Amino acid sequence: MSEPKPRRKIFPIVILLVLAAAGFTLWRVIAARNQVPDNVITLSGRIEGDDSAVAPKTAGRIIEIRVREGDRVKAGDDLAVLDDLQIRAR
């Protein structure tokens, strides 16, 4: 009997290496596309926030709300505008 030629033994190995290289390249391209921007830190954990009670100095109807839940505010920022018609009438 004749022995199989060396090419027939090497061909499946070459195909396997080419497929492995293609798979690795595809994986790197997809993984690179899903990277987090440099200014974002990815962590796992729990975030707790502080609630603050807000009360106006006078009573009145709210005619405009200037912030939404989750917006950052500083001390002194206007959160809402009250209708001052009743106060001016006094």
N, C-alpha and C. Protein backbone atom coordinates (compact mmCIF):
# COMPACT_ATOMS: atom_id res chain seq x y z
N MET A 1 0.83 -1.17 0.00
CA MET A 1 0.00 0.00 0.00
C MET A 1 0.87 1.24 0.00
N SER A 2 0.31 2.23 -0.62
CA SER A 2 1.08 3.48 -0.67
C SER A 2 0.66 4.38 0.49
N GLU A 3 1.62 5.10 1.00
CA GLU A 3 1.34 6.01 2.10
C GLU A 3 0.68 7.27 1.56
N PRO A 4 -0.19 7.92 2.38
CA PRO A 4 -0.80 9.17 1.91
C PRO A 4 0.26 10.24 1.75
N LYS A 5 0.05 11.06 0.78
CA LYS A 5 1.00 12.11 0.51
C LYS A 5 0.99 13.12 1.66
N PRO A 6 2.13 13.74 1.92
CA PRO A 6 2.21 14.71 3.02
C PRO A 6 1.24 15.88 2.85
N ARG A 7 0.90 16.23 1.61
CA ARG A 7 -0.02 17.34 1.36
C ARG A 7 -1.40 17.04 1.93
N ARG A 8 -1.84 15.81 1.84
CA ARG A 8 -3.16 15.44 2.33
C ARG A 8 -3.23 15.52 3.85
N LYS A 9 -2.12 15.36 4.54
CA LYS A 9 -2.09 15.46 5.99
C LYS A 9 -2.03 16.92 6.44
N ILE A 10 -1.35 17.74 5.68
CA ILE A 10 -1.14 19.14 6.04
C ILE A 10 -2.37 19.99 5.72
N PHE A 11 -3.10 19.67 4.68
CA PHE A 11 -4.24 20.47 4.23
C PHE A 11 -5.28 20.72 5.33
N PRO A 12 -5.75 19.71 6.06
CA PRO A 12 -6.73 19.98 7.14
C PRO A 12 -6.14 20.88 8.25
N ILE A 13 -4.85 20.75 8.53
CA ILE A 13 -4.22 21.58 9.55
C ILE A 13 -4.17 23.04 9.09
N VAL A 14 -3.84 23.26 7.82
CA VAL A 14 -3.80 24.62 7.28
C VAL A 14 -5.20 25.24 7.31
N ILE A 15 -6.21 24.49 6.92
CA ILE A 15 -7.59 24.99 6.94
C ILE A 15 -7.99 25.35 8.37
N LEU A 16 -7.65 24.50 9.33
CA LEU A 16 -7.97 24.76 10.73
C LEU A 16 -7.28 26.03 11.23
N LEU A 17 -6.00 26.22 10.86
CA LEU A 17 -5.28 27.43 11.26
C LEU A 17 -5.87 28.69 10.64
N VAL A 18 -6.27 28.61 9.38
CA VAL A 18 -6.89 29.75 8.70
C VAL A 18 -8.22 30.11 9.36
N LEU A 19 -9.03 29.10 9.67
CA LEU A 19 -10.30 29.35 10.34
C LEU A 19 -10.09 29.94 11.74
N ALA A 20 -9.09 29.44 12.45
CA ALA A 20 -8.80 29.96 13.78
C ALA A 20 -8.35 31.42 13.70
N ALA A 21 -7.51 31.75 12.74
CA ALA A 21 -7.04 33.12 12.56
C ALA A 21 -8.20 34.04 12.18
N ALA A 22 -9.09 33.58 11.31
CA ALA A 22 -10.24 34.37 10.91
C ALA A 22 -11.18 34.59 12.10
N GLY A 23 -11.40 33.56 12.89
CA GLY A 23 -12.26 33.69 14.07
C GLY A 23 -11.67 34.65 15.09
N PHE A 24 -10.37 34.57 15.32
CA PHE A 24 -9.71 35.47 16.26
C PHE A 24 -9.79 36.91 15.78
N THR A 25 -9.57 37.14 14.48
CA THR A 25 -9.64 38.49 13.92
C THR A 25 -11.05 39.05 14.04
N LEU A 26 -12.05 38.24 13.74
CA LEU A 26 -13.44 38.68 13.86
C LEU A 26 -13.78 39.00 15.31
N TRP A 27 -13.33 38.18 16.23
CA TRP A 27 -13.58 38.42 17.65
C TRP A 27 -12.95 39.74 18.11
N ARG A 28 -11.72 40.01 17.67
CA ARG A 28 -11.04 41.25 18.05
C ARG A 28 -11.77 42.48 17.49
N VAL A 29 -12.28 42.38 16.27
CA VAL A 29 -12.99 43.50 15.66
C VAL A 29 -14.28 43.77 16.41
N ILE A 30 -15.02 42.73 16.75
CA ILE A 30 -16.27 42.90 17.49
C ILE A 30 -16.00 43.40 18.90
N ALA A 31 -14.99 42.87 19.57
CA ALA A 31 -14.65 43.30 20.92
C ALA A 31 -14.17 44.75 20.93
N ALA A 32 -13.47 45.17 19.92
CA ALA A 32 -12.97 46.55 19.84
C ALA A 32 -14.13 47.52 19.64
N ARG A 33 -15.17 47.10 18.98
CA ARG A 33 -16.32 47.97 18.72
C ARG A 33 -17.12 48.22 20.00
N ASN A 34 -17.09 47.32 20.96
CA ASN A 34 -17.88 47.44 22.18
C ASN A 34 -17.08 48.02 23.35
N GLN A 35 -16.01 48.72 23.09
CA GLN A 35 -15.20 49.27 24.17
C GLN A 35 -15.90 50.46 24.80
N VAL A 36 -15.68 50.63 26.08
CA VAL A 36 -16.24 51.74 26.84
C VAL A 36 -15.34 52.96 26.63
N PRO A 37 -15.93 54.16 26.49
CA PRO A 37 -15.10 55.36 26.33
C PRO A 37 -14.16 55.55 27.52
N ASP A 38 -13.06 56.28 27.31
CA ASP A 38 -12.05 56.47 28.34
C ASP A 38 -12.58 57.22 29.56
N ASN A 39 -13.60 58.06 29.38
CA ASN A 39 -14.10 58.85 30.50
C ASN A 39 -15.20 58.13 31.29
N VAL A 40 -15.42 56.84 31.01
CA VAL A 40 -16.43 56.05 31.72
C VAL A 40 -15.74 54.92 32.46
N ILE A 41 -16.11 54.76 33.72
CA ILE A 41 -15.56 53.67 34.54
C ILE A 41 -16.65 52.62 34.69
N THR A 42 -16.34 51.39 34.39
CA THR A 42 -17.30 50.32 34.51
C THR A 42 -17.03 49.54 35.78
N LEU A 43 -17.99 49.53 36.67
CA LEU A 43 -17.89 48.83 37.94
C LEU A 43 -19.23 48.17 38.25
N SER A 44 -19.21 47.25 39.16
CA SER A 44 -20.46 46.69 39.64
C SER A 44 -20.64 47.13 41.08
N GLY A 45 -21.85 47.34 41.48
CA GLY A 45 -22.09 47.77 42.84
C GLY A 45 -23.46 48.38 43.00
N ARG A 46 -23.60 49.18 44.03
CA ARG A 46 -24.88 49.79 44.35
C ARG A 46 -24.68 51.28 44.55
N ILE A 47 -25.58 52.08 44.00
CA ILE A 47 -25.49 53.53 44.12
C ILE A 47 -26.62 54.00 45.03
N GLU A 48 -26.27 54.80 46.01
CA GLU A 48 -27.26 55.38 46.89
C GLU A 48 -27.22 56.88 46.76
N GLY A 49 -28.39 57.50 46.76
CA GLY A 49 -28.47 58.95 46.66
C GLY A 49 -29.16 59.53 47.87
N ASP A 50 -29.00 60.80 48.03
CA ASP A 50 -29.65 61.51 49.13
C ASP A 50 -30.87 62.24 48.59
N ASP A 51 -31.98 62.14 49.32
CA ASP A 51 -33.18 62.89 48.98
C ASP A 51 -33.19 64.16 49.81
N SER A 52 -33.65 65.22 49.22
CA SER A 52 -33.76 66.49 49.93
C SER A 52 -35.18 66.99 49.83
N ALA A 53 -35.69 67.47 50.95
CA ALA A 53 -37.03 68.06 50.95
C ALA A 53 -36.90 69.50 50.45
N VAL A 54 -37.79 69.86 49.55
CA VAL A 54 -37.78 71.20 48.98
C VAL A 54 -39.12 71.85 49.30
N ALA A 55 -39.08 73.05 49.85
CA ALA A 55 -40.31 73.76 50.18
C ALA A 55 -40.16 75.24 49.83
N PRO A 56 -41.20 75.84 49.23
CA PRO A 56 -41.12 77.27 48.90
C PRO A 56 -41.32 78.11 50.15
N LYS A 57 -40.90 79.36 50.10
CA LYS A 57 -41.08 80.28 51.22
C LYS A 57 -42.53 80.76 51.30
N THR A 58 -43.22 80.77 50.17
CA THR A 58 -44.64 81.15 50.14
C THR A 58 -45.42 80.10 49.40
N ALA A 59 -46.72 80.07 49.65
CA ALA A 59 -47.59 79.12 48.95
C ALA A 59 -47.99 79.68 47.60
N GLY A 60 -48.31 78.82 46.69
CA GLY A 60 -48.76 79.25 45.38
C GLY A 60 -48.81 78.09 44.42
N ARG A 61 -49.37 78.35 43.24
CA ARG A 61 -49.46 77.32 42.20
C ARG A 61 -48.19 77.30 41.37
N ILE A 62 -47.77 76.11 41.04
CA ILE A 62 -46.59 75.97 40.18
C ILE A 62 -47.02 76.22 38.74
N ILE A 63 -46.35 77.14 38.06
CA ILE A 63 -46.67 77.40 36.66
C ILE A 63 -45.60 76.86 35.71
N GLU A 64 -44.40 76.59 36.25
CA GLU A 64 -43.33 76.05 35.41
C GLU A 64 -42.36 75.24 36.28
N ILE A 65 -41.99 74.05 35.80
CA ILE A 65 -40.98 73.23 36.46
C ILE A 65 -39.74 73.26 35.58
N ARG A 66 -38.62 73.67 36.15
CA ARG A 66 -37.41 73.89 35.35
C ARG A 66 -36.41 72.75 35.38
N VAL A 67 -36.62 71.75 36.22
CA VAL A 67 -35.71 70.60 36.29
C VAL A 67 -36.52 69.31 36.26
N ARG A 68 -35.85 68.25 35.90
CA ARG A 68 -36.49 66.93 35.90
C ARG A 68 -35.74 66.02 36.86
N GLU A 69 -36.33 64.90 37.17
CA GLU A 69 -35.70 63.94 38.06
C GLU A 69 -34.37 63.48 37.45
N GLY A 70 -33.33 63.51 38.26
CA GLY A 70 -32.02 63.09 37.80
C GLY A 70 -31.12 64.24 37.37
N ASP A 71 -31.70 65.45 37.17
CA ASP A 71 -30.89 66.61 36.79
C ASP A 71 -30.02 67.04 37.98
N ARG A 72 -28.85 67.55 37.69
CA ARG A 72 -27.98 68.07 38.74
C ARG A 72 -28.38 69.51 39.03
N VAL A 73 -28.50 69.82 40.31
CA VAL A 73 -28.81 71.18 40.72
C VAL A 73 -27.85 71.59 41.82
N LYS A 74 -27.67 72.89 41.95
CA LYS A 74 -26.82 73.45 43.00
C LYS A 74 -27.71 74.29 43.91
N ALA A 75 -27.18 74.61 45.06
CA ALA A 75 -27.91 75.48 45.98
C ALA A 75 -28.18 76.81 45.30
N GLY A 76 -29.41 77.25 45.39
CA GLY A 76 -29.79 78.52 44.78
C GLY A 76 -30.38 78.41 43.39
N ASP A 77 -30.32 77.24 42.75
CA ASP A 77 -30.92 77.06 41.43
C ASP A 77 -32.44 77.12 41.54
N ASP A 78 -33.09 77.71 40.54
CA ASP A 78 -34.56 77.74 40.50
C ASP A 78 -35.05 76.39 40.02
N LEU A 79 -35.89 75.73 40.83
CA LEU A 79 -36.43 74.43 40.47
C LEU A 79 -37.79 74.57 39.80
N ALA A 80 -38.56 75.54 40.27
CA ALA A 80 -39.91 75.76 39.73
C ALA A 80 -40.25 77.24 39.86
N VAL A 81 -41.26 77.65 39.09
CA VAL A 81 -41.74 79.03 39.15
C VAL A 81 -43.17 78.98 39.69
N LEU A 82 -43.41 79.76 40.73
CA LEU A 82 -44.74 79.83 41.33
C LEU A 82 -45.51 80.99 40.74
N ASP A 83 -46.84 80.83 40.68
CA ASP A 83 -47.73 81.91 40.25
C ASP A 83 -47.85 82.88 41.42
N ASP A 84 -47.41 84.10 41.22
CA ASP A 84 -47.42 85.08 42.31
C ASP A 84 -48.58 86.06 42.22
N LEU A 85 -49.60 85.72 41.49
CA LEU A 85 -50.76 86.60 41.31
C LEU A 85 -51.44 86.89 42.65
N GLN A 86 -51.62 85.87 43.48
CA GLN A 86 -52.29 86.05 44.78
C GLN A 86 -51.43 86.90 45.72
N ILE A 87 -50.12 86.73 45.67
CA ILE A 87 -49.24 87.48 46.55
C ILE A 87 -49.24 88.95 46.16
N ARG A 88 -49.22 89.23 44.88
CA ARG A 88 -49.23 90.63 44.41
C ARG A 88 -50.57 91.30 44.72
N ALA A 89 -51.66 90.52 44.74
CA ALA A 89 -52.97 91.07 45.04
C ALA A 89 -53.08 91.49 46.50
N ARG A 90 -52.32 90.89 47.39
CA ARG A 90 -52.36 91.24 48.82
C ARG A 90 -51.71 92.56 48.98
